[in-house]
């Protein structure tokens, strides 16, 4: 599955579970939860591979559906780091995922 398809699945989970994309898509300063999720999935893919990136995307989607709220940026980055470490990759605290 591509990052684009993973993000569509997450978008659908947000729509189904939260109904509103406002908080998810943009804040005043231009940052968004969606962009954080996408960047985290990309980083995991670069570090640990496509399968692990898909694993993070599935976790984000499931968390949204189960908890009916958006996981924080920090929580997503920490989960991404955990997934990378599970396959033997090291993550520095200076890395995007090293939250």
PDB file of N, CA and C in Angstrom:
ATOM      1  N   UNK A   1       0.849  -1.173   0.000  1.00  0.00           N
ATOM      2  CA  UNK A   1       0.000   0.000   0.000  1.00  0.00           C
ATOM      3  C   UNK A   1       0.899   1.243   0.000  1.00  0.00           C
ATOM      4  N   UNK A   2       0.505   2.234  -0.743  1.00  0.00           N
ATOM      5  CA  UNK A   2       1.275   3.461  -0.828  1.00  0.00           C
ATOM      6  C   UNK A   2       0.950   4.402   0.336  1.00  0.00           C
ATOM      7  N   UNK A   3       1.791   5.382   0.537  1.00  0.00           N
ATOM      8  CA  UNK A   3       1.536   6.385   1.574  1.00  0.00           C
ATOM      9  C   UNK A   3       0.239   7.120   1.245  1.00  0.00           C
ATOM     10  N   UNK A   4       0.051   7.393  -0.040  1.00  0.00           N
ATOM     11  CA  UNK A   4      -1.166   8.084  -0.474  1.00  0.00           C
ATOM     12  C   UNK A   4      -2.418   7.296  -0.083  1.00  0.00           C
ATOM     13  N   UNK A   5      -2.392   5.981  -0.304  1.00  0.00           N
ATOM     14  CA  UNK A   5      -3.536   5.148   0.065  1.00  0.00           C
ATOM     15  C   UNK A   5      -3.679   5.060   1.585  1.00  0.00           C
ATOM     16  N   UNK A   6      -2.565   4.968   2.289  1.00  0.00           N
ATOM     17  CA  UNK A   6      -2.605   4.941   3.754  1.00  0.00           C
ATOM     18  C   UNK A   6      -3.258   6.208   4.288  1.00  0.00           C
ATOM     19  N   UNK A   7      -2.894   7.352   3.708  1.00  0.00           N
ATOM     20  CA  UNK A   7      -3.473   8.621   4.153  1.00  0.00           C
ATOM     21  C   UNK A   7      -4.966   8.692   3.827  1.00  0.00           C
ATOM     22  N   UNK A   8      -5.381   8.117   2.699  1.00  0.00           N
ATOM     23  CA  UNK A   8      -6.816   8.070   2.385  1.00  0.00           C
ATOM     24  C   UNK A   8      -7.567   7.266   3.442  1.00  0.00           C
ATOM     25  N   UNK A   9      -6.976   6.149   3.865  1.00  0.00           N
ATOM     26  CA  UNK A   9      -7.605   5.320   4.901  1.00  0.00           C
ATOM     27  C   UNK A   9      -7.702   6.082   6.225  1.00  0.00           C
ATOM     28  N   UNK A  10      -6.660   6.811   6.568  1.00  0.00           N
ATOM     29  CA  UNK A  10      -6.673   7.616   7.796  1.00  0.00           C
ATOM     30  C   UNK A  10      -7.704   8.740   7.657  1.00  0.00           C
ATOM     31  N   UNK A  11      -7.743   9.386   6.493  1.00  0.00           N
ATOM     32  CA  UNK A  11      -8.747  10.435   6.252  1.00  0.00           C
ATOM     33  C   UNK A  11     -10.154   9.879   6.454  1.00  0.00           C
ATOM     34  N   UNK A  12     -10.396   8.696   5.948  1.00  0.00           N
ATOM     35  CA  UNK A  12     -11.707   8.057   6.088  1.00  0.00           C
ATOM     36  C   UNK A  12     -12.016   7.761   7.558  1.00  0.00           C
ATOM     37  N   UNK A  13     -11.019   7.317   8.303  1.00  0.00           N
ATOM     38  CA  UNK A  13     -11.218   7.044   9.732  1.00  0.00           C
ATOM     39  C   UNK A  13     -11.572   8.325  10.477  1.00  0.00           C
ATOM     40  N   UNK A  14     -10.908   9.430  10.122  1.00  0.00           N
ATOM     41  CA  UNK A  14     -11.213  10.723  10.749  1.00  0.00           C
ATOM     42  C   UNK A  14     -12.654  11.105  10.433  1.00  0.00           C
ATOM     43  N   UNK A  15     -13.022  10.998   9.177  1.00  0.00           N
ATOM     44  CA  UNK A  15     -14.384  11.346   8.759  1.00  0.00           C
ATOM     45  C   UNK A  15     -15.421  10.472   9.472  1.00  0.00           C
ATOM     46  N   UNK A  16     -15.193   9.171   9.496  1.00  0.00           N
ATOM     47  CA  UNK A  16     -16.137   8.234  10.123  1.00  0.00           C
ATOM     48  C   UNK A  16     -16.230   8.416  11.634  1.00  0.00           C
ATOM     49  N   UNK A  17     -15.087   8.654  12.275  1.00  0.00           N
ATOM     50  CA  UNK A  17     -15.043   8.684  13.732  1.00  0.00           C
ATOM     51  C   UNK A  17     -15.254  10.063  14.338  1.00  0.00           C
ATOM     52  N   UNK A  18     -14.789  11.094  13.639  1.00  0.00           N
ATOM     53  CA  UNK A  18     -14.834  12.438  14.204  1.00  0.00           C
ATOM     54  C   UNK A  18     -15.771  13.371  13.455  1.00  0.00           C
ATOM     55  N   UNK A  19     -16.026  13.069  12.198  1.00  0.00           N
ATOM     56  CA  UNK A  19     -16.930  13.881  11.399  1.00  0.00           C
ATOM     57  C   UNK A  19     -16.338  15.175  10.889  1.00  0.00           C
ATOM     58  N   UNK A  20     -15.410  15.755  11.602  1.00  0.00           N
ATOM     59  CA  UNK A  20     -14.840  17.045  11.227  1.00  0.00           C
ATOM     60  C   UNK A  20     -13.352  16.909  10.944  1.00  0.00           C
ATOM     61  N   UNK A  21     -12.915  17.579   9.911  1.00  0.00           N
ATOM     62  CA  UNK A  21     -11.500  17.567   9.545  1.00  0.00           C
ATOM     63  C   UNK A  21     -10.765  18.807  10.035  1.00  0.00           C
ATOM     64  N   UNK A  22     -11.462  19.753  10.659  1.00  0.00           N
ATOM     65  CA  UNK A  22     -10.842  21.035  11.011  1.00  0.00           C
ATOM     66  C   UNK A  22      -9.565  20.881  11.819  1.00  0.00           C
ATOM     67  N   UNK A  23      -9.640  20.220  12.941  1.00  0.00           N
ATOM     68  CA  UNK A  23      -8.472  20.062  13.811  1.00  0.00           C
ATOM     69  C   UNK A  23      -7.395  19.236  13.106  1.00  0.00           C
ATOM     70  N   UNK A  24      -7.817  18.294  12.319  1.00  0.00           N
ATOM     71  CA  UNK A  24      -6.929  17.353  11.651  1.00  0.00           C
ATOM     72  C   UNK A  24      -6.145  17.998  10.515  1.00  0.00           C
ATOM     73  N   UNK A  25      -6.791  18.855   9.745  1.00  0.00           N
ATOM     74  CA  UNK A  25      -6.173  19.350   8.525  1.00  0.00           C
ATOM     75  C   UNK A  25      -5.322  20.598   8.688  1.00  0.00           C
ATOM     76  N   UNK A  26      -5.706  21.516   9.534  1.00  0.00           N
ATOM     77  CA  UNK A  26      -4.893  22.734   9.607  1.00  0.00           C
ATOM     78  C   UNK A  26      -5.089  23.479  10.912  1.00  0.00           C
ATOM     79  N   UNK A  27      -4.022  24.051  11.358  1.00  0.00           N
ATOM     80  CA  UNK A  27      -4.042  24.957  12.503  1.00  0.00           C
ATOM     81  C   UNK A  27      -3.645  26.325  11.977  1.00  0.00           C
ATOM     82  N   UNK A  28      -3.760  27.320  12.813  1.00  0.00           N
ATOM     83  CA  UNK A  28      -3.428  28.691  12.402  1.00  0.00           C
ATOM     84  C   UNK A  28      -2.002  28.822  11.874  1.00  0.00           C
ATOM     85  N   UNK A  29      -1.073  28.109  12.488  1.00  0.00           N
ATOM     86  CA  UNK A  29       0.328  28.261  12.102  1.00  0.00           C
ATOM     87  C   UNK A  29       0.724  27.416  10.895  1.00  0.00           C
ATOM     88  N   UNK A  30      -0.248  26.758  10.257  1.00  0.00           N
ATOM     89  CA  UNK A  30       0.029  26.015   9.042  1.00  0.00           C
ATOM     90  C   UNK A  30       0.369  24.550   9.256  1.00  0.00           C
ATOM     91  N   UNK A  31       0.607  24.154  10.493  1.00  0.00           N
ATOM     92  CA  UNK A  31       0.881  22.745  10.772  1.00  0.00           C
ATOM     93  C   UNK A  31      -0.435  21.994  10.904  1.00  0.00           C
ATOM     94  N   UNK A  32      -0.386  20.705  10.706  1.00  0.00           N
ATOM     95  CA  UNK A  32      -1.596  19.913  10.859  1.00  0.00           C
ATOM     96  C   UNK A  32      -1.254  18.524  11.363  1.00  0.00           C
ATOM     97  N   UNK A  33      -2.231  17.914  12.003  1.00  0.00           N
ATOM     98  CA  UNK A  33      -2.059  16.532  12.433  1.00  0.00           C
ATOM     99  C   UNK A  33      -1.838  15.651  11.208  1.00  0.00           C
ATOM    100  N   UNK A  34      -2.596  15.924  10.142  1.00  0.00           N
ATOM    101  CA  UNK A  34      -2.487  15.107   8.934  1.00  0.00           C
ATOM    102  C   UNK A  34      -1.053  15.108   8.417  1.00  0.00           C
ATOM    103  N   UNK A  35      -0.443  16.272   8.348  1.00  0.00           N
ATOM    104  CA  UNK A  35       0.933  16.356   7.842  1.00  0.00           C
ATOM    105  C   UNK A  35       1.907  15.631   8.765  1.00  0.00           C
ATOM    106  N   UNK A  36       1.679  15.722  10.059  1.00  0.00           N
ATOM    107  CA  UNK A  36       2.527  14.998  11.015  1.00  0.00           C
ATOM    108  C   UNK A  36       2.410  13.495  10.797  1.00  0.00           C
ATOM    109  N   UNK A  37       1.187  13.020  10.608  1.00  0.00           N
ATOM    110  CA  UNK A  37       0.986  11.590  10.358  1.00  0.00           C
ATOM    111  C   UNK A  37       1.698  11.165   9.080  1.00  0.00           C
ATOM    112  N   UNK A  38       1.508  11.947   8.030  1.00  0.00           N
ATOM    113  CA  UNK A  38       2.111  11.622   6.741  1.00  0.00           C
ATOM    114  C   UNK A  38       3.639  11.609   6.842  1.00  0.00           C
ATOM    115  N   UNK A  39       4.200  12.618   7.477  1.00  0.00           N
ATOM    116  CA  UNK A  39       5.662  12.693   7.611  1.00  0.00           C
ATOM    117  C   UNK A  39       6.192  11.527   8.447  1.00  0.00           C
ATOM    118  N   UNK A  40       5.479  11.162   9.491  1.00  0.00           N
ATOM    119  CA  UNK A  40       5.906  10.045  10.337  1.00  0.00           C
ATOM    120  C   UNK A  40       5.880   8.736   9.555  1.00  0.00           C
ATOM    121  N   UNK A  41       4.844   8.530   8.762  1.00  0.00           N
ATOM    122  CA  UNK A  41       4.756   7.322   7.940  1.00  0.00           C
ATOM    123  C   UNK A  41       5.903   7.300   6.925  1.00  0.00           C
ATOM    124  N   UNK A  42       6.180   8.443   6.301  1.00  0.00           N
ATOM    125  CA  UNK A  42       7.291   8.540   5.350  1.00  0.00           C
ATOM    126  C   UNK A  42       8.615   8.202   6.021  1.00  0.00           C
ATOM    127  N   UNK A  43       8.841   8.747   7.209  1.00  0.00           N
ATOM    128  CA  UNK A  43      10.094   8.501   7.933  1.00  0.00           C
ATOM    129  C   UNK A  43      10.262   7.025   8.278  1.00  0.00           C
ATOM    130  N   UNK A  44       9.196   6.413   8.761  1.00  0.00           N
ATOM    131  CA  UNK A  44       9.271   4.988   9.085  1.00  0.00           C
ATOM    132  C   UNK A  44       9.584   4.196   7.817  1.00  0.00           C
ATOM    133  N   UNK A  45       8.954   4.571   6.709  1.00  0.00           N
ATOM    134  CA  UNK A  45       9.221   3.889   5.442  1.00  0.00           C
ATOM    135  C   UNK A  45      10.672   3.999   5.013  1.00  0.00           C
ATOM    136  N   UNK A  46      11.254   5.171   5.168  1.00  0.00           N
ATOM    137  CA  UNK A  46      12.656   5.382   4.798  1.00  0.00           C
ATOM    138  C   UNK A  46      13.607   4.615   5.704  1.00  0.00           C
ATOM    139  N   UNK A  47      13.279   4.549   6.986  1.00  0.00           N
ATOM    140  CA  UNK A  47      14.173   3.916   7.959  1.00  0.00           C
ATOM    141  C   UNK A  47      13.983   2.403   8.007  1.00  0.00           C
ATOM    142  N   UNK A  48      12.732   1.962   8.076  1.00  0.00           N
ATOM    143  CA  UNK A  48      12.468   0.545   8.346  1.00  0.00           C
ATOM    144  C   UNK A  48      11.772  -0.197   7.202  1.00  0.00           C
ATOM    145  N   UNK A  49      11.296   0.521   6.201  1.00  0.00           N
ATOM    146  CA  UNK A  49      10.685  -0.136   5.054  1.00  0.00           C
ATOM    147  C   UNK A  49       9.178   0.038   4.965  1.00  0.00           C
ATOM    148  N   UNK A  50       8.682  -0.336   3.809  1.00  0.00           N
ATOM    149  CA  UNK A  50       7.271  -0.143   3.470  1.00  0.00           C
ATOM    150  C   UNK A  50       6.325  -0.881   4.427  1.00  0.00           C
ATOM    151  N   UNK A  51       6.658  -2.099   4.777  1.00  0.00           N
ATOM    152  CA  UNK A  51       5.793  -2.883   5.659  1.00  0.00           C
ATOM    153  C   UNK A  51       5.624  -2.196   7.008  1.00  0.00           C
ATOM    154  N   UNK A  52       6.703  -1.652   7.531  1.00  0.00           N
ATOM    155  CA  UNK A  52       6.643  -0.981   8.828  1.00  0.00           C
ATOM    156  C   UNK A  52       5.882   0.342   8.715  1.00  0.00           C
ATOM    157  N   UNK A  53       6.026   1.032   7.585  1.00  0.00           N
ATOM    158  CA  UNK A  53       5.256   2.260   7.359  1.00  0.00           C
ATOM    159  C   UNK A  53       3.760   1.939   7.344  1.00  0.00           C
ATOM    160  N   UNK A  54       3.398   0.847   6.690  1.00  0.00           N
ATOM    161  CA  UNK A  54       2.005   0.414   6.666  1.00  0.00           C
ATOM    162  C   UNK A  54       1.518   0.044   8.067  1.00  0.00           C
ATOM    163  N   UNK A  55       2.407  -0.516   8.854  1.00  0.00           N
ATOM    164  CA  UNK A  55       2.068  -0.860  10.240  1.00  0.00           C
ATOM    165  C   UNK A  55       1.735   0.402  11.046  1.00  0.00           C
ATOM    166  N   UNK A  56       2.519   1.457  10.881  1.00  0.00           N
ATOM    167  CA  UNK A  56       2.238   2.710  11.580  1.00  0.00           C
ATOM    168  C   UNK A  56       0.922   3.308  11.090  1.00  0.00           C
ATOM    169  N   UNK A  57       0.709   3.309   9.786  1.00  0.00           N
ATOM    170  CA  UNK A  57      -0.537   3.855   9.232  1.00  0.00           C
ATOM    171  C   UNK A  57      -1.751   3.104   9.776  1.00  0.00           C
ATOM    172  N   UNK A  58      -1.654   1.791   9.842  1.00  0.00           N
ATOM    173  CA  UNK A  58      -2.759   0.984  10.381  1.00  0.00           C
ATOM    174  C   UNK A  58      -2.988   1.307  11.851  1.00  0.00           C
ATOM    175  N   UNK A  59      -1.909   1.503  12.596  1.00  0.00           N
ATOM    176  CA  UNK A  59      -2.038   1.857  14.018  1.00  0.00           C
ATOM    177  C   UNK A  59      -2.745   3.197  14.175  1.00  0.00           C
ATOM    178  N   UNK A  60      -2.361   4.185  13.356  1.00  0.00           N
ATOM    179  CA  UNK A  60      -3.008   5.505  13.427  1.00  0.00           C
ATOM    180  C   UNK A  60      -4.499   5.362  13.139  1.00  0.00           C
ATOM    181  N   UNK A  61      -4.828   4.668  12.063  1.00  0.00           N
ATOM    182  CA  UNK A  61      -6.237   4.492  11.681  1.00  0.00           C
ATOM    183  C   UNK A  61      -7.029   3.790  12.788  1.00  0.00           C
ATOM    184  N   UNK A  62      -6.498   2.719  13.308  1.00  0.00           N
ATOM    185  CA  UNK A  62      -7.180   1.959  14.365  1.00  0.00           C
ATOM    186  C   UNK A  62      -7.353   2.796  15.625  1.00  0.00           C
ATOM    187  N   UNK A  63      -6.323   3.550  15.984  1.00  0.00           N
ATOM    188  CA  UNK A  63      -6.394   4.406  17.172  1.00  0.00           C
ATOM    189  C   UNK A  63      -7.498   5.447  17.024  1.00  0.00           C
ATOM    190  N   UNK A  64      -7.594   6.060  15.862  1.00  0.00           N
ATOM    191  CA  UNK A  64      -8.651   7.049  15.618  1.00  0.00           C
ATOM    192  C   UNK A  64     -10.024   6.397  15.753  1.00  0.00           C
ATOM    193  N   UNK A  65     -10.187   5.252  15.135  1.00  0.00           N
ATOM    194  CA  UNK A  65     -11.491   4.568  15.181  1.00  0.00           C
ATOM    195  C   UNK A  65     -11.841   4.093  16.600  1.00  0.00           C
ATOM    196  N   UNK A  66     -10.871   3.548  17.312  1.00  0.00           N
ATOM    197  CA  UNK A  66     -11.131   3.015  18.651  1.00  0.00           C
ATOM    198  C   UNK A  66     -11.328   4.097  19.704  1.00  0.00           C
ATOM    199  N   UNK A  67     -10.503   5.128  19.650  1.00  0.00           N
ATOM    200  CA  UNK A  67     -10.531   6.159  20.687  1.00  0.00           C
ATOM    201  C   UNK A  67     -11.402   7.355  20.328  1.00  0.00           C
ATOM    202  N   UNK A  68     -11.815   7.432  19.072  1.00  0.00           N
ATOM    203  CA  UNK A  68     -12.658   8.544  18.596  1.00  0.00           C
ATOM    204  C   UNK A  68     -11.988   9.897  18.807  1.00  0.00           C
ATOM    205  N   UNK A  69     -10.666   9.904  18.708  1.00  0.00           N
ATOM    206  CA  UNK A  69      -9.907  11.155  18.774  1.00  0.00           C
ATOM    207  C   UNK A  69      -8.589  10.952  18.052  1.00  0.00           C
ATOM    208  N   UNK A  70      -7.951  12.072  17.735  1.00  0.00           N
ATOM    209  CA  UNK A  70      -6.681  12.031  17.022  1.00  0.00           C
ATOM    210  C   UNK A  70      -5.539  11.747  17.987  1.00  0.00           C
ATOM    211  N   UNK A  71      -4.688  10.779  17.664  1.00  0.00           N
ATOM    212  CA  UNK A  71      -3.503  10.596  18.504  1.00  0.00           C
ATOM    213  C   UNK A  71      -2.583  11.806  18.323  1.00  0.00           C
ATOM    214  N   UNK A  72      -1.936  12.218  19.391  1.00  0.00           N
ATOM    215  CA  UNK A  72      -1.064  13.390  19.332  1.00  0.00           C
ATOM    216  C   UNK A  72       0.121  13.138  18.401  1.00  0.00           C
ATOM    217  N   UNK A  73       0.692  14.211  17.933  1.00  0.00           N
ATOM    218  CA  UNK A  73       1.872  14.121  17.067  1.00  0.00           C
ATOM    219  C   UNK A  73       2.997  13.370  17.777  1.00  0.00           C
ATOM    220  N   UNK A  74       3.192  13.706  19.030  1.00  0.00           N
ATOM    221  CA  UNK A  74       4.253  13.056  19.807  1.00  0.00           C
ATOM    222  C   UNK A  74       4.007  11.556  19.939  1.00  0.00           C
ATOM    223  N   UNK A  75       2.765  11.188  20.206  1.00  0.00           N
ATOM    224  CA  UNK A  75       2.423   9.765  20.349  1.00  0.00           C
ATOM    225  C   UNK A  75       2.671   9.012  19.041  1.00  0.00           C
ATOM    226  N   UNK A  76       2.337   9.619  17.908  1.00  0.00           N
ATOM    227  CA  UNK A  76       2.543   8.986  16.606  1.00  0.00           C
ATOM    228  C   UNK A  76       4.038   8.833  16.327  1.00  0.00           C
ATOM    229  N   UNK A  77       4.815   9.863  16.616  1.00  0.00           N
ATOM    230  CA  UNK A  77       6.259   9.778  16.391  1.00  0.00           C
ATOM    231  C   UNK A  77       6.893   8.724  17.299  1.00  0.00           C
ATOM    232  N   UNK A  78       6.441   8.662  18.549  1.00  0.00           N
ATOM    233  CA  UNK A  78       6.964   7.647  19.475  1.00  0.00           C
ATOM    234  C   UNK A  78       6.622   6.245  18.993  1.00  0.00           C
ATOM    235  N   UNK A  79       5.395   6.065  18.494  1.00  0.00           N
ATOM    236  CA  UNK A  79       4.993   4.754  17.957  1.00  0.00           C
ATOM    237  C   UNK A  79       5.835   4.414  16.732  1.00  0.00           C
ATOM    238  N   UNK A  80       6.092   5.400  15.881  1.00  0.00           N
ATOM    239  CA  UNK A  80       6.949   5.176  14.717  1.00  0.00           C
ATOM    240  C   UNK A  80       8.347   4.739  15.120  1.00  0.00           C
ATOM    241  N   UNK A  81       8.901   5.390  16.138  1.00  0.00           N
ATOM    242  CA  UNK A  81      10.234   5.014  16.640  1.00  0.00           C
ATOM    243  C   UNK A  81      10.215   3.598  17.201  1.00  0.00           C
ATOM    244  N   UNK A  82       9.162   3.266  17.916  1.00  0.00           N
ATOM    245  CA  UNK A  82       9.026   1.920  18.487  1.00  0.00           C
ATOM    246  C   UNK A  82       8.990   0.867  17.375  1.00  0.00           C
ATOM    247  N   UNK A  83       8.244   1.150  16.322  1.00  0.00           N
ATOM    248  CA  UNK A  83       8.152   0.222  15.192  1.00  0.00           C
ATOM    249  C   UNK A  83       9.523   0.040  14.544  1.00  0.00           C
ATOM    250  N   UNK A  84      10.258   1.127  14.355  1.00  0.00           N
ATOM    251  CA  UNK A  84      11.600   1.033  13.779  1.00  0.00           C
ATOM    252  C   UNK A  84      12.528   0.212  14.669  1.00  0.00           C
ATOM    253  N   UNK A  85      12.451   0.464  15.953  1.00  0.00           N
ATOM    254  CA  UNK A  85      13.303  -0.274  16.888  1.00  0.00           C
ATOM    255  C   UNK A  85      12.945  -1.758  16.920  1.00  0.00           C
ATOM    256  N   UNK A  86      11.670  -2.072  16.715  1.00  0.00           N
ATOM    257  CA  UNK A  86      11.233  -3.480  16.678  1.00  0.00           C
ATOM    258  C   UNK A  86      11.941  -4.277  15.584  1.00  0.00           C
ATOM    259  N   UNK A  87      12.351  -3.595  14.522  1.00  0.00           N
ATOM    260  CA  UNK A  87      13.037  -4.284  13.425  1.00  0.00           C
ATOM    261  C   UNK A  87      14.546  -4.028  13.444  1.00  0.00           C
ATOM    262  N   UNK A  88      15.040  -3.520  14.571  1.00  0.00           N
ATOM    263  CA  UNK A  88      16.473  -3.371  14.757  1.00  0.00           C
ATOM    264  C   UNK A  88      17.083  -2.062  14.293  1.00  0.00           C
ATOM    265  N   UNK A  89      16.269  -1.099  13.938  1.00  0.00           N
ATOM    266  CA  UNK A  89      16.779   0.206  13.528  1.00  0.00           C
ATOM    267  C   UNK A  89      16.892   1.115  14.752  1.00  0.00           C
ATOM    268  N   UNK A  90      17.954   1.908  14.791  1.00  0.00           N
ATOM    269  CA  UNK A  90      18.106   2.825  15.921  1.00  0.00           C
ATOM    270  C   UNK A  90      17.544   4.193  15.549  1.00  0.00           C
ATOM    271  N   UNK A  91      16.976   4.842  16.525  1.00  0.00           N
ATOM    272  CA  UNK A  91      16.393   6.169  16.347  1.00  0.00           C
ATOM    273  C   UNK A  91      17.025   7.091  17.381  1.00  0.00           C
ATOM    274  N   UNK A  92      17.618   8.158  16.903  1.00  0.00           N
ATOM    275  CA  UNK A  92      18.233   9.150  17.781  1.00  0.00           C
ATOM    276  C   UNK A  92      17.164  10.116  18.292  1.00  0.00           C
ATOM    277  N   UNK A  93      17.417  10.690  19.440  1.00  0.00           N
ATOM    278  CA  UNK A  93      16.478  11.688  19.961  1.00  0.00           C
ATOM    279  C   UNK A  93      16.479  12.943  19.093  1.00  0.00           C
ATOM    280  N   UNK A  94      17.464  13.074  18.201  1.00  0.00           N
ATOM    281  CA  UNK A  94      17.512  14.198  17.266  1.00  0.00           C
ATOM    282  C   UNK A  94      16.717  13.952  15.987  1.00  0.00           C
ATOM    283  N   UNK A  95      16.273  12.723  15.774  1.00  0.00           N
ATOM    284  CA  UNK A  95      15.505  12.367  14.590  1.00  0.00           C
ATOM    285  C   UNK A  95      14.054  12.817  14.743  1.00  0.00           C
ATOM    286  N   UNK A  96      13.342  12.940  13.622  1.00  0.00           N
ATOM    287  CA  UNK A  96      11.913  13.286  13.634  1.00  0.00           C
ATOM    288  C   UNK A  96      11.147  12.339  14.556  1.00  0.00           C
ATOM    289  N   UNK A  97      11.447  11.063  14.482  1.00  0.00           N
ATOM    290  CA  UNK A  97      10.719  10.076  15.280  1.00  0.00           C
ATOM    291  C   UNK A  97      11.211  10.008  16.720  1.00  0.00           C
ATOM    292  N   UNK A  98      12.291  10.661  17.035  1.00  0.00           N
ATOM    293  CA  UNK A  98      12.871  10.599  18.367  1.00  0.00           C
ATOM    294  C   UNK A  98      12.214  11.546  19.356  1.00  0.00           C
ATOM    295  N   UNK A  99      10.903  11.587  19.335  1.00  0.00           N
ATOM    296  CA  UNK A  99      10.145  12.512  20.196  1.00  0.00           C
ATOM    297  C   UNK A  99      10.310  12.172  21.665  1.00  0.00           C
TER     298      UNK A  99
END
